[in-house]
Amino acid sequence: MYADGLLGNRGIINALGALTAGVFNYIRAPNAPAYKLETIIGRAHDYIYPPNTDTENKQQVNNALISYIKRQPGAPIGRLF
């Protein structure tokens, strides 16, 4: 089986995270908040299920990346546009 880091192990992370959340929710106190998949797997949740971002935020990130590349000496500016 081929696994390339987090991407290749997505199914394993989902299965183990859901199983862990289920067990933790079964044994938790009645007044405690329920465990969610995102609290169990942490940062991997944002990688597997990207948060909804608006187009304005994406454009700001793109502009910041382009301005960073332009500052580098010998940057391939022609390839970006």
C-alpha atoms as a PDB file:
ATOM      1  CA  MET A   1       0.000   0.000   0.000  1.00  0.00           C
ATOM      2  CA  TYR A   2       1.342   3.415  -0.950  1.00  0.00           C
ATOM      3  CA  ALA A   3       1.057   6.198   1.597  1.00  0.00           C
ATOM      4  CA  ASP A   4       2.507   9.646   1.016  1.00  0.00           C
ATOM      5  CA  GLY A   5       2.333  11.236   4.436  1.00  0.00           C
ATOM      6  CA  LEU A   6      -0.880  12.802   5.617  1.00  0.00           C
ATOM      7  CA  LEU A   7      -2.596  12.608   2.233  1.00  0.00           C
ATOM      8  CA  GLY A   8      -2.059   8.868   1.933  1.00  0.00           C
ATOM      9  CA  ASN A   9      -3.175   8.275   5.485  1.00  0.00           C
ATOM     10  CA  ARG A  10      -6.400  10.282   5.264  1.00  0.00           C
ATOM     11  CA  GLY A  11      -8.644   7.252   5.640  1.00  0.00           C
ATOM     12  CA  ILE A  12      -6.679   5.961   8.608  1.00  0.00           C
ATOM     13  CA  ILE A  13      -6.776   9.354  10.344  1.00  0.00           C
ATOM     14  CA  ASN A  14     -10.533   9.656   9.753  1.00  0.00           C
ATOM     15  CA  ALA A  15     -11.257   6.154  11.002  1.00  0.00           C
ATOM     16  CA  LEU A  16      -9.098   6.392  14.112  1.00  0.00           C
ATOM     17  CA  GLY A  17     -10.321   9.918  14.873  1.00  0.00           C
ATOM     18  CA  ALA A  18     -13.966   8.913  14.614  1.00  0.00           C
ATOM     19  CA  LEU A  19     -13.375   5.793  16.700  1.00  0.00           C
ATOM     20  CA  THR A  20     -11.526   7.781  19.380  1.00  0.00           C
ATOM     21  CA  ALA A  21     -14.218  10.461  19.467  1.00  0.00           C
ATOM     22  CA  GLY A  22     -16.883   7.776  19.827  1.00  0.00           C
ATOM     23  CA  VAL A  23     -15.106   6.084  22.712  1.00  0.00           C
ATOM     24  CA  PHE A  24     -14.374   9.402  24.453  1.00  0.00           C
ATOM     25  CA  ASN A  25     -17.998  10.497  24.056  1.00  0.00           C
ATOM     26  CA  TYR A  26     -19.187   7.168  25.465  1.00  0.00           C
ATOM     27  CA  ILE A  27     -17.114   7.504  28.649  1.00  0.00           C
ATOM     28  CA  ARG A  28     -17.372  11.264  29.184  1.00  0.00           C
ATOM     29  CA  ALA A  29     -19.336  12.784  32.044  1.00  0.00           C
ATOM     30  CA  PRO A  30     -22.967  13.726  31.256  1.00  0.00           C
ATOM     31  CA  ASN A  31     -22.363  17.445  31.744  1.00  0.00           C
ATOM     32  CA  ALA A  32     -19.071  17.561  29.785  1.00  0.00           C
ATOM     33  CA  PRO A  33     -19.047  18.871  26.210  1.00  0.00           C
ATOM     34  CA  ALA A  34     -18.985  16.282  23.441  1.00  0.00           C
ATOM     35  CA  TYR A  35     -15.749  15.506  21.656  1.00  0.00           C
ATOM     36  CA  LYS A  36     -15.647  16.310  17.949  1.00  0.00           C
ATOM     37  CA  LEU A  37     -13.449  14.913  15.215  1.00  0.00           C
ATOM     38  CA  GLU A  38     -11.636  18.224  14.873  1.00  0.00           C
ATOM     39  CA  THR A  39     -10.659  18.238  18.563  1.00  0.00           C
ATOM     40  CA  ILE A  40      -9.328  14.694  18.296  1.00  0.00           C
ATOM     41  CA  ILE A  41      -7.179  14.986  15.164  1.00  0.00           C
ATOM     42  CA  GLY A  42      -6.180  18.641  15.585  1.00  0.00           C
ATOM     43  CA  ARG A  43      -4.336  20.272  12.709  1.00  0.00           C
ATOM     44  CA  ALA A  44      -4.931  17.339  10.411  1.00  0.00           C
ATOM     45  CA  HIS A  45      -8.635  18.281  10.378  1.00  0.00           C
ATOM     46  CA  ASP A  46      -7.912  21.606   8.673  1.00  0.00           C
ATOM     47  CA  TYR A  47      -5.729  19.835   6.129  1.00  0.00           C
ATOM     48  CA  ILE A  48      -8.280  17.137   5.302  1.00  0.00           C
ATOM     49  CA  TYR A  49     -11.320  19.425   5.524  1.00  0.00           C
ATOM     50  CA  PRO A  50     -10.149  22.936   4.573  1.00  0.00           C
ATOM     51  CA  PRO A  51     -12.078  25.723   6.273  1.00  0.00           C
ATOM     52  CA  ASN A  52     -14.390  27.813   4.119  1.00  0.00           C
ATOM     53  CA  THR A  53     -12.540  30.915   3.025  1.00  0.00           C
ATOM     54  CA  ASP A  54     -13.981  33.771   1.104  1.00  0.00           C
ATOM     55  CA  THR A  55     -12.517  34.933  -2.199  1.00  0.00           C
ATOM     56  CA  GLU A  56     -11.297  38.206  -0.683  1.00  0.00           C
ATOM     57  CA  ASN A  57      -9.072  36.326   1.758  1.00  0.00           C
ATOM     58  CA  LYS A  58      -7.714  34.121  -1.034  1.00  0.00           C
ATOM     59  CA  GLN A  59      -6.938  37.198  -3.109  1.00  0.00           C
ATOM     60  CA  GLN A  60      -5.029  38.791  -0.205  1.00  0.00           C
ATOM     61  CA  VAL A  61      -2.949  35.640   0.177  1.00  0.00           C
ATOM     62  CA  ASN A  62      -2.234  35.540  -3.564  1.00  0.00           C
ATOM     63  CA  ASN A  63      -1.206  39.196  -3.609  1.00  0.00           C
ATOM     64  CA  ALA A  64       1.095  38.695  -0.616  1.00  0.00           C
ATOM     65  CA  LEU A  65       2.734  35.716  -2.329  1.00  0.00           C
ATOM     66  CA  ILE A  66       3.244  37.620  -5.582  1.00  0.00           C
ATOM     67  CA  SER A  67       4.767  40.620  -3.776  1.00  0.00           C
ATOM     68  CA  TYR A  68       7.111  38.266  -1.882  1.00  0.00           C
ATOM     69  CA  ILE A  69       8.252  36.621  -5.113  1.00  0.00           C
ATOM     70  CA  LYS A  70       8.818  39.992  -6.795  1.00  0.00           C
ATOM     71  CA  ARG A  71      11.256  40.998  -4.036  1.00  0.00           C
ATOM     72  CA  GLN A  72      13.535  38.024  -4.681  1.00  0.00           C
ATOM     73  CA  PRO A  73      16.507  38.637  -6.985  1.00  0.00           C
ATOM     74  CA  GLY A  74      16.137  36.820 -10.278  1.00  0.00           C
ATOM     75  CA  ALA A  75      12.499  35.939  -9.687  1.00  0.00           C
ATOM     76  CA  PRO A  76      10.694  34.538 -12.762  1.00  0.00           C
ATOM     77  CA  ILE A  77       8.137  37.348 -12.956  1.00  0.00           C
ATOM     78  CA  GLY A  78       7.131  36.475 -16.535  1.00  0.00           C
ATOM     79  CA  ARG A  79       5.971  33.010 -15.517  1.00  0.00           C
ATOM     80  CA  LEU A  80       3.562  34.336 -12.894  1.00  0.00           C
ATOM     81  CA  PHE A  81       1.361  36.375 -15.201  1.00  0.00           C
END
